[in-house]
Amino acid sequence: MSITTTTHLNFRGTAAPALEFYQSVFGGNVTAATYGDFGMPKDVPGADKIVFGQLETADGFRLMAYDIPGQDTTDPAGTAGTTRRENGTTVTDRTFFQSLRGQSMEEVEKLWGALADGAQIIEPLAASAWSPGFGMLTDRFGVTWVIDVEAPYNG
């Protein structure tokens, strides 16, 4: 099968710094084009915002980013909504979480540490009943990440 999926994150004016941040976390190369690059007059407000942005790493990690026209805000709650853990459950008004799964705790701890810079920690990264390592955070750009270590399957 040749079909792939790529997370496409929509931001409210912070796609460029978000792409830079994710590049610092995951490595890889960023490709970005602004509304001005695609024909919007350069002096129109928002012409410098991202209409197409992508981060891609050599090992195939990829995400895309976009600035919603006219929706500039640096408040991540505008993007993220709210998520919290309460009585062992996740309570949220988000429509999705970004899942990041690794093969070892060492592998995910490195990514966790980088994503946690400026983040709201929802559930600290630790062993859980279903995984050798599980944690949740909402990063500084309002993206909620579910990070875990792949558990052995006992089918």
N, C-alpha and C. Protein backbone atom coordinates (compact mmCIF):
# COMPACT_ATOMS: atom_id res chain seq x y z
N MET A 1 0.85 -1.18 0.00
CA MET A 1 0.00 0.00 0.00
C MET A 1 0.89 1.24 0.00
N SER A 2 0.58 2.23 -0.80
CA SER A 2 1.41 3.42 -0.90
C SER A 2 0.81 4.63 -0.21
N ILE A 3 -0.32 4.47 0.44
CA ILE A 3 -0.97 5.59 1.12
C ILE A 3 -0.30 5.84 2.46
N THR A 4 -0.06 7.12 2.75
CA THR A 4 0.49 7.51 4.05
C THR A 4 -0.40 8.60 4.64
N THR A 5 -0.27 8.78 5.93
CA THR A 5 -0.96 9.90 6.57
C THR A 5 0.08 10.82 7.19
N THR A 6 -0.25 12.08 7.23
CA THR A 6 0.62 13.09 7.84
C THR A 6 -0.25 14.01 8.66
N THR A 7 0.15 14.25 9.88
CA THR A 7 -0.58 15.20 10.71
C THR A 7 -0.42 16.59 10.13
N HIS A 8 -1.53 17.29 9.99
CA HIS A 8 -1.54 18.67 9.46
C HIS A 8 -2.07 19.55 10.58
N LEU A 9 -1.18 20.31 11.20
CA LEU A 9 -1.54 21.14 12.34
C LEU A 9 -1.92 22.54 11.88
N ASN A 10 -3.04 23.04 12.39
CA ASN A 10 -3.51 24.38 12.05
C ASN A 10 -3.23 25.31 13.22
N PHE A 11 -2.53 26.40 12.94
CA PHE A 11 -2.15 27.36 13.97
C PHE A 11 -2.81 28.70 13.72
N ARG A 12 -2.78 29.52 14.73
CA ARG A 12 -3.35 30.86 14.64
C ARG A 12 -2.21 31.89 14.64
N GLY A 13 -1.38 31.82 13.59
CA GLY A 13 -0.30 32.77 13.42
C GLY A 13 1.04 32.33 13.94
N THR A 14 1.15 31.11 14.45
CA THR A 14 2.42 30.65 15.03
C THR A 14 3.01 29.44 14.31
N ALA A 15 2.61 29.18 13.09
CA ALA A 15 3.11 28.00 12.36
C ALA A 15 4.61 28.06 12.15
N ALA A 16 5.18 29.22 11.81
CA ALA A 16 6.62 29.30 11.56
C ALA A 16 7.43 28.98 12.82
N PRO A 17 7.16 29.63 13.96
CA PRO A 17 7.92 29.25 15.15
C PRO A 17 7.63 27.82 15.62
N ALA A 18 6.44 27.32 15.36
CA ALA A 18 6.14 25.93 15.72
C ALA A 18 6.98 24.97 14.89
N LEU A 19 7.09 25.22 13.60
CA LEU A 19 7.93 24.38 12.74
C LEU A 19 9.39 24.42 13.19
N GLU A 20 9.88 25.59 13.56
CA GLU A 20 11.26 25.70 14.06
C GLU A 20 11.42 24.88 15.35
N PHE A 21 10.45 24.98 16.24
CA PHE A 21 10.50 24.23 17.49
C PHE A 21 10.50 22.73 17.22
N TYR A 22 9.58 22.25 16.37
CA TYR A 22 9.52 20.82 16.08
C TYR A 22 10.79 20.34 15.38
N GLN A 23 11.40 21.19 14.57
CA GLN A 23 12.67 20.82 13.96
C GLN A 23 13.74 20.66 15.04
N SER A 24 13.72 21.50 16.07
CA SER A 24 14.70 21.37 17.16
C SER A 24 14.47 20.09 17.96
N VAL A 25 13.23 19.62 17.99
CA VAL A 25 12.89 18.39 18.72
C VAL A 25 13.22 17.15 17.90
N PHE A 26 12.78 17.12 16.64
CA PHE A 26 12.84 15.91 15.82
C PHE A 26 13.96 15.92 14.78
N GLY A 27 14.58 17.08 14.55
CA GLY A 27 15.55 17.18 13.47
C GLY A 27 14.84 17.33 12.14
N GLY A 28 15.51 17.03 11.07
CA GLY A 28 14.89 17.06 9.75
C GLY A 28 14.96 18.42 9.08
N ASN A 29 14.20 18.53 8.00
CA ASN A 29 14.19 19.73 7.18
C ASN A 29 12.80 20.34 7.13
N VAL A 30 12.76 21.66 7.21
CA VAL A 30 11.50 22.40 7.11
C VAL A 30 11.39 23.01 5.72
N THR A 31 10.21 22.86 5.14
CA THR A 31 9.85 23.54 3.91
C THR A 31 8.66 24.42 4.26
N ALA A 32 8.71 25.70 3.88
CA ALA A 32 7.60 26.58 4.22
C ALA A 32 7.39 27.62 3.13
N ALA A 33 6.13 27.93 2.89
CA ALA A 33 5.76 28.98 1.94
C ALA A 33 4.71 29.85 2.61
N THR A 34 4.79 31.15 2.37
CA THR A 34 3.85 32.09 2.96
C THR A 34 2.73 32.41 1.98
N TYR A 35 1.70 33.05 2.50
CA TYR A 35 0.62 33.52 1.62
C TYR A 35 1.20 34.47 0.58
N GLY A 36 2.17 35.30 0.97
CA GLY A 36 2.82 36.22 0.03
C GLY A 36 3.55 35.48 -1.08
N ASP A 37 4.16 34.34 -0.73
CA ASP A 37 4.84 33.53 -1.75
C ASP A 37 3.86 33.01 -2.79
N PHE A 38 2.60 32.84 -2.38
CA PHE A 38 1.58 32.30 -3.29
C PHE A 38 0.70 33.39 -3.91
N GLY A 39 1.15 34.65 -3.84
CA GLY A 39 0.46 35.70 -4.58
C GLY A 39 -0.24 36.77 -3.77
N MET A 40 -0.39 36.59 -2.46
CA MET A 40 -1.01 37.63 -1.67
C MET A 40 -0.07 38.83 -1.67
N PRO A 41 -0.60 40.04 -1.89
CA PRO A 41 0.28 41.22 -1.84
C PRO A 41 1.05 41.27 -0.53
N LYS A 42 2.36 41.52 -0.61
CA LYS A 42 3.25 41.46 0.55
C LYS A 42 2.87 42.44 1.65
N ASP A 43 2.17 43.53 1.31
CA ASP A 43 1.82 44.53 2.33
C ASP A 43 0.47 44.25 3.00
N VAL A 44 -0.22 43.20 2.60
CA VAL A 44 -1.49 42.82 3.22
C VAL A 44 -1.19 42.10 4.54
N PRO A 45 -1.90 42.46 5.63
CA PRO A 45 -1.67 41.75 6.90
C PRO A 45 -1.87 40.24 6.72
N GLY A 46 -0.91 39.47 7.21
CA GLY A 46 -0.99 38.02 7.10
C GLY A 46 -0.22 37.44 5.93
N ALA A 47 0.31 38.30 5.05
CA ALA A 47 1.05 37.80 3.88
C ALA A 47 2.29 37.02 4.29
N ASP A 48 2.80 37.29 5.49
CA ASP A 48 4.01 36.60 5.96
C ASP A 48 3.70 35.32 6.72
N LYS A 49 2.44 34.96 6.83
CA LYS A 49 2.04 33.74 7.55
C LYS A 49 2.17 32.52 6.65
N ILE A 50 2.24 31.35 7.28
CA ILE A 50 2.49 30.09 6.57
C ILE A 50 1.20 29.54 5.95
N VAL A 51 1.23 29.33 4.63
CA VAL A 51 0.12 28.67 3.95
C VAL A 51 0.46 27.19 3.73
N PHE A 52 1.74 26.88 3.64
CA PHE A 52 2.19 25.49 3.52
C PHE A 52 3.50 25.36 4.27
N GLY A 53 3.50 24.49 5.26
CA GLY A 53 4.73 24.22 6.00
C GLY A 53 4.84 22.73 6.26
N GLN A 54 6.04 22.22 6.21
CA GLN A 54 6.23 20.80 6.47
C GLN A 54 7.60 20.57 7.10
N LEU A 55 7.61 19.65 8.05
CA LEU A 55 8.85 19.13 8.62
C LEU A 55 8.92 17.67 8.25
N GLU A 56 10.08 17.26 7.73
CA GLU A 56 10.27 15.86 7.37
C GLU A 56 11.67 15.44 7.79
N THR A 57 11.74 14.28 8.44
CA THR A 57 13.04 13.75 8.86
C THR A 57 13.46 12.61 7.93
N ALA A 58 14.72 12.26 7.98
CA ALA A 58 15.25 11.19 7.13
C ALA A 58 14.60 9.85 7.43
N ASP A 59 14.15 9.64 8.67
CA ASP A 59 13.53 8.35 9.01
C ASP A 59 12.02 8.33 8.79
N GLY A 60 11.48 9.37 8.14
CA GLY A 60 10.09 9.34 7.74
C GLY A 60 9.10 10.07 8.63
N PHE A 61 9.56 10.66 9.74
CA PHE A 61 8.65 11.47 10.56
C PHE A 61 8.28 12.71 9.76
N ARG A 62 7.00 13.03 9.73
CA ARG A 62 6.54 14.17 8.96
C ARG A 62 5.34 14.80 9.66
N LEU A 63 5.32 16.13 9.66
CA LEU A 63 4.12 16.85 10.04
C LEU A 63 4.04 18.11 9.22
N MET A 64 2.82 18.60 9.07
CA MET A 64 2.58 19.80 8.29
C MET A 64 1.99 20.87 9.19
N ALA A 65 2.15 22.13 8.79
CA ALA A 65 1.65 23.25 9.59
C ALA A 65 1.11 24.33 8.67
N TYR A 66 0.13 25.06 9.18
CA TYR A 66 -0.61 26.05 8.40
C TYR A 66 -1.10 27.12 9.36
N ASP A 67 -1.10 28.37 8.92
CA ASP A 67 -1.71 29.46 9.70
C ASP A 67 -3.11 29.74 9.17
N ILE A 68 -4.09 29.66 10.04
CA ILE A 68 -5.47 29.97 9.67
C ILE A 68 -5.55 31.47 9.37
N PRO A 69 -6.02 31.86 8.20
CA PRO A 69 -6.06 33.28 7.85
C PRO A 69 -6.86 34.10 8.87
N GLY A 70 -6.29 35.24 9.28
CA GLY A 70 -6.99 36.17 10.14
C GLY A 70 -7.19 35.70 11.57
N GLN A 71 -6.51 34.67 12.00
CA GLN A 71 -6.73 34.11 13.33
C GLN A 71 -5.49 34.21 14.21
N ASP A 72 -4.74 35.30 14.14
CA ASP A 72 -3.49 35.43 14.89
C ASP A 72 -3.73 35.51 16.39
N THR A 73 -3.06 34.64 17.12
CA THR A 73 -2.99 34.70 18.57
C THR A 73 -1.84 33.81 19.02
N THR A 74 -1.16 34.22 20.06
CA THR A 74 -0.10 33.39 20.60
C THR A 74 -0.60 32.60 21.80
N ASP A 75 -1.90 32.67 22.09
CA ASP A 75 -2.48 31.92 23.21
C ASP A 75 -2.73 30.49 22.76
N PRO A 76 -1.94 29.52 23.28
CA PRO A 76 -2.11 28.14 22.83
C PRO A 76 -3.47 27.55 23.19
N ALA A 77 -4.16 28.10 24.18
CA ALA A 77 -5.49 27.58 24.53
C ALA A 77 -6.48 27.77 23.37
N GLY A 78 -6.23 28.80 22.54
CA GLY A 78 -7.09 29.00 21.38
C GLY A 78 -6.98 27.86 20.40
N THR A 79 -5.83 27.25 20.34
CA THR A 79 -5.61 26.10 19.48
C THR A 79 -5.92 24.81 20.21
N ALA A 80 -5.47 24.74 21.46
CA ALA A 80 -5.47 23.47 22.18
C ALA A 80 -6.76 23.14 22.88
N GLY A 81 -7.56 24.13 23.25
CA GLY A 81 -8.65 23.81 24.16
C GLY A 81 -8.03 23.43 25.49
N THR A 82 -8.68 22.56 26.21
CA THR A 82 -8.13 22.15 27.51
C THR A 82 -8.12 20.63 27.61
N THR A 83 -7.12 20.14 28.32
CA THR A 83 -6.99 18.71 28.60
C THR A 83 -6.43 18.56 29.99
N ARG A 84 -7.01 17.65 30.76
CA ARG A 84 -6.49 17.39 32.10
C ARG A 84 -6.78 15.95 32.46
N ARG A 85 -6.05 15.45 33.44
CA ARG A 85 -6.30 14.11 33.98
C ARG A 85 -7.09 14.30 35.26
N GLU A 86 -8.11 13.48 35.42
CA GLU A 86 -8.97 13.57 36.59
C GLU A 86 -9.46 12.17 36.93
N ASN A 87 -9.19 11.72 38.15
CA ASN A 87 -9.62 10.40 38.60
C ASN A 87 -9.21 9.28 37.64
N GLY A 88 -7.99 9.38 37.12
CA GLY A 88 -7.47 8.34 36.25
C GLY A 88 -7.97 8.38 34.82
N THR A 89 -8.71 9.43 34.45
CA THR A 89 -9.19 9.54 33.07
C THR A 89 -8.74 10.87 32.47
N THR A 90 -8.78 10.94 31.16
CA THR A 90 -8.44 12.17 30.45
C THR A 90 -9.73 12.91 30.14
N VAL A 91 -9.80 14.16 30.55
CA VAL A 91 -10.97 15.01 30.31
C VAL A 91 -10.51 16.12 29.36
N THR A 92 -11.17 16.23 28.20
CA THR A 92 -10.71 17.17 27.18
C THR A 92 -11.86 17.67 26.32
N ASP A 93 -11.65 18.83 25.70
CA ASP A 93 -12.57 19.31 24.67
C ASP A 93 -11.88 19.34 23.30
N ARG A 94 -10.70 18.69 23.22
CA ARG A 94 -9.97 18.59 21.97
C ARG A 94 -10.60 17.56 21.05
N THR A 95 -10.42 17.74 19.75
CA THR A 95 -10.92 16.75 18.80
C THR A 95 -9.88 15.69 18.47
N PHE A 96 -8.60 15.94 18.81
CA PHE A 96 -7.57 14.93 18.57
C PHE A 96 -6.37 15.18 19.47
N PHE A 97 -5.54 14.15 19.65
CA PHE A 97 -4.22 14.23 20.27
C PHE A 97 -3.23 13.72 19.24
N GLN A 98 -2.00 14.19 19.33
CA GLN A 98 -0.93 13.69 18.48
C GLN A 98 -0.21 12.59 19.25
N SER A 99 -0.18 11.39 18.71
CA SER A 99 0.46 10.25 19.36
C SER A 99 1.89 10.10 18.87
N LEU A 100 2.79 9.87 19.81
CA LEU A 100 4.20 9.66 19.50
C LEU A 100 4.63 8.41 20.27
N ARG A 101 4.99 7.37 19.55
CA ARG A 101 5.31 6.07 20.18
C ARG A 101 6.73 5.67 19.80
N GLY A 102 7.49 5.24 20.80
CA GLY A 102 8.84 4.77 20.57
C GLY A 102 9.01 3.34 21.01
N GLN A 103 10.18 2.79 20.75
CA GLN A 103 10.47 1.40 21.09
C GLN A 103 11.06 1.24 22.49
N SER A 104 11.59 2.32 23.06
CA SER A 104 12.21 2.23 24.38
C SER A 104 11.95 3.50 25.17
N MET A 105 12.07 3.39 26.48
CA MET A 105 11.91 4.55 27.35
C MET A 105 12.99 5.58 27.04
N GLU A 106 14.20 5.14 26.78
CA GLU A 106 15.29 6.05 26.46
C GLU A 106 14.96 6.91 25.23
N GLU A 107 14.39 6.26 24.22
CA GLU A 107 14.03 6.96 22.99
C GLU A 107 12.96 8.03 23.25
N VAL A 108 11.91 7.69 24.00
CA VAL A 108 10.83 8.66 24.21
C VAL A 108 11.20 9.71 25.25
N GLU A 109 12.08 9.39 26.19
CA GLU A 109 12.50 10.39 27.19
C GLU A 109 13.18 11.59 26.53
N LYS A 110 13.97 11.33 25.52
CA LYS A 110 14.65 12.42 24.80
C LYS A 110 13.63 13.35 24.15
N LEU A 111 12.65 12.78 23.46
CA LEU A 111 11.62 13.58 22.81
C LEU A 111 10.73 14.27 23.83
N TRP A 112 10.37 13.56 24.89
CA TRP A 112 9.57 14.13 25.97
C TRP A 112 10.26 15.38 26.53
N GLY A 113 11.54 15.24 26.84
CA GLY A 113 12.29 16.36 27.41
C GLY A 113 12.27 17.59 26.53
N ALA A 114 12.41 17.39 25.22
CA ALA A 114 12.41 18.51 24.29
C ALA A 114 11.01 19.11 24.13
N LEU A 115 9.99 18.27 24.00
CA LEU A 115 8.62 18.78 23.85
C LEU A 115 8.12 19.44 25.13
N ALA A 116 8.63 19.02 26.28
CA ALA A 116 8.16 19.54 27.57
C ALA A 116 8.63 20.97 27.84
N ASP A 117 9.60 21.46 27.08
CA ASP A 117 10.09 22.82 27.28
C ASP A 117 8.96 23.82 27.00
N GLY A 118 8.47 24.46 28.05
CA GLY A 118 7.37 25.42 27.91
C GLY A 118 5.99 24.79 27.83
N ALA A 119 5.90 23.49 28.08
CA ALA A 119 4.64 22.76 27.95
C ALA A 119 3.87 22.70 29.27
N GLN A 120 2.59 22.37 29.15
CA GLN A 120 1.77 22.02 30.30
C GLN A 120 1.80 20.49 30.40
N ILE A 121 2.32 19.97 31.49
CA ILE A 121 2.37 18.52 31.69
C ILE A 121 1.00 18.07 32.20
N ILE A 122 0.39 17.17 31.46
CA ILE A 122 -0.93 16.64 31.84
C ILE A 122 -0.76 15.38 32.66
N GLU A 123 0.13 14.51 32.19
CA GLU A 123 0.45 13.26 32.89
C GLU A 123 1.95 13.04 32.73
N PRO A 124 2.70 13.03 33.83
CA PRO A 124 4.15 12.85 33.72
C PRO A 124 4.50 11.53 33.05
N LEU A 125 5.62 11.52 32.35
CA LEU A 125 6.10 10.31 31.67
C LEU A 125 6.57 9.31 32.72
N ALA A 126 5.90 8.16 32.77
CA ALA A 126 6.22 7.12 33.74
C ALA A 126 5.58 5.81 33.28
N ALA A 127 5.99 4.72 33.92
CA ALA A 127 5.37 3.42 33.63
C ALA A 127 3.89 3.48 33.97
N SER A 128 3.08 2.78 33.18
CA SER A 128 1.64 2.71 33.42
C SER A 128 1.19 1.26 33.32
N ALA A 129 -0.06 1.02 33.57
CA ALA A 129 -0.60 -0.35 33.49
C ALA A 129 -0.53 -0.91 32.07
N TRP A 130 -0.49 -0.06 31.06
CA TRP A 130 -0.53 -0.52 29.67
C TRP A 130 0.76 -0.27 28.90
N SER A 131 1.74 0.41 29.52
CA SER A 131 2.96 0.74 28.77
C SER A 131 4.14 0.90 29.73
N PRO A 132 5.33 0.53 29.27
CA PRO A 132 6.53 0.78 30.08
C PRO A 132 6.79 2.27 30.30
N GLY A 133 6.16 3.13 29.48
CA GLY A 133 6.28 4.58 29.63
C GLY A 133 5.13 5.26 28.94
N PHE A 134 4.44 6.16 29.65
CA PHE A 134 3.30 6.89 29.10
C PHE A 134 3.27 8.27 29.73
N GLY A 135 2.99 9.28 28.92
CA GLY A 135 2.81 10.63 29.42
C GLY A 135 2.03 11.47 28.43
N MET A 136 1.47 12.57 28.92
CA MET A 136 0.74 13.51 28.06
C MET A 136 1.18 14.92 28.40
N LEU A 137 1.32 15.75 27.36
CA LEU A 137 1.60 17.16 27.57
C LEU A 137 0.99 17.97 26.44
N THR A 138 0.73 19.24 26.73
CA THR A 138 0.33 20.18 25.70
C THR A 138 1.51 21.12 25.53
N ASP A 139 2.10 21.10 24.34
CA ASP A 139 3.31 21.89 24.11
C ASP A 139 3.01 23.38 24.04
N ARG A 140 4.04 24.17 23.93
CA ARG A 140 3.91 25.63 23.96
C ARG A 140 3.09 26.20 22.80
N PHE A 141 2.82 25.37 21.77
CA PHE A 141 2.03 25.82 20.64
C PHE A 141 0.61 25.27 20.67
N GLY A 142 0.25 24.57 21.75
CA GLY A 142 -1.11 24.10 21.92
C GLY A 142 -1.40 22.71 21.38
N VAL A 143 -0.37 21.97 20.99
CA VAL A 143 -0.56 20.61 20.50
C VAL A 143 -0.43 19.65 21.67
N THR A 144 -1.43 18.80 21.87
CA THR A 144 -1.39 17.81 22.94
C THR A 144 -0.80 16.52 22.39
N TRP A 145 0.28 16.09 23.02
CA TRP A 145 1.01 14.89 22.62
C TRP A 145 0.78 13.79 23.63
N VAL A 146 0.43 12.61 23.13
CA VAL A 146 0.38 11.38 23.93
C VAL A 146 1.65 10.62 23.57
N ILE A 147 2.53 10.47 24.53
CA ILE A 147 3.84 9.88 24.27
C ILE A 147 3.93 8.57 25.05
N ASP A 148 4.30 7.50 24.35
CA ASP A 148 4.41 6.22 25.06
C ASP A 148 5.46 5.31 24.44
N VAL A 149 5.76 4.28 25.20
CA VAL A 149 6.66 3.23 24.75
C VAL A 149 5.78 2.07 24.30
N GLU A 150 6.06 1.55 23.12
CA GLU A 150 5.28 0.44 22.61
C GLU A 150 5.37 -0.75 23.55
N ALA A 151 4.22 -1.23 23.96
CA ALA A 151 4.17 -2.39 24.87
C ALA A 151 4.19 -3.68 24.06
N PRO A 152 4.78 -4.72 24.61
CA PRO A 152 4.74 -6.01 23.92
C PRO A 152 3.29 -6.49 23.78
N TYR A 153 2.97 -7.03 22.63
CA TYR A 153 1.62 -7.52 22.37
C TYR A 153 1.51 -8.97 22.80
N ASN A 154 0.53 -9.25 23.62
CA ASN A 154 0.29 -10.63 24.07
C ASN A 154 -1.03 -11.12 23.49
N GLY A 155 -1.02 -11.41 22.21
CA GLY A 155 -2.24 -11.76 21.51
C GLY A 155 -2.48 -13.19 21.57
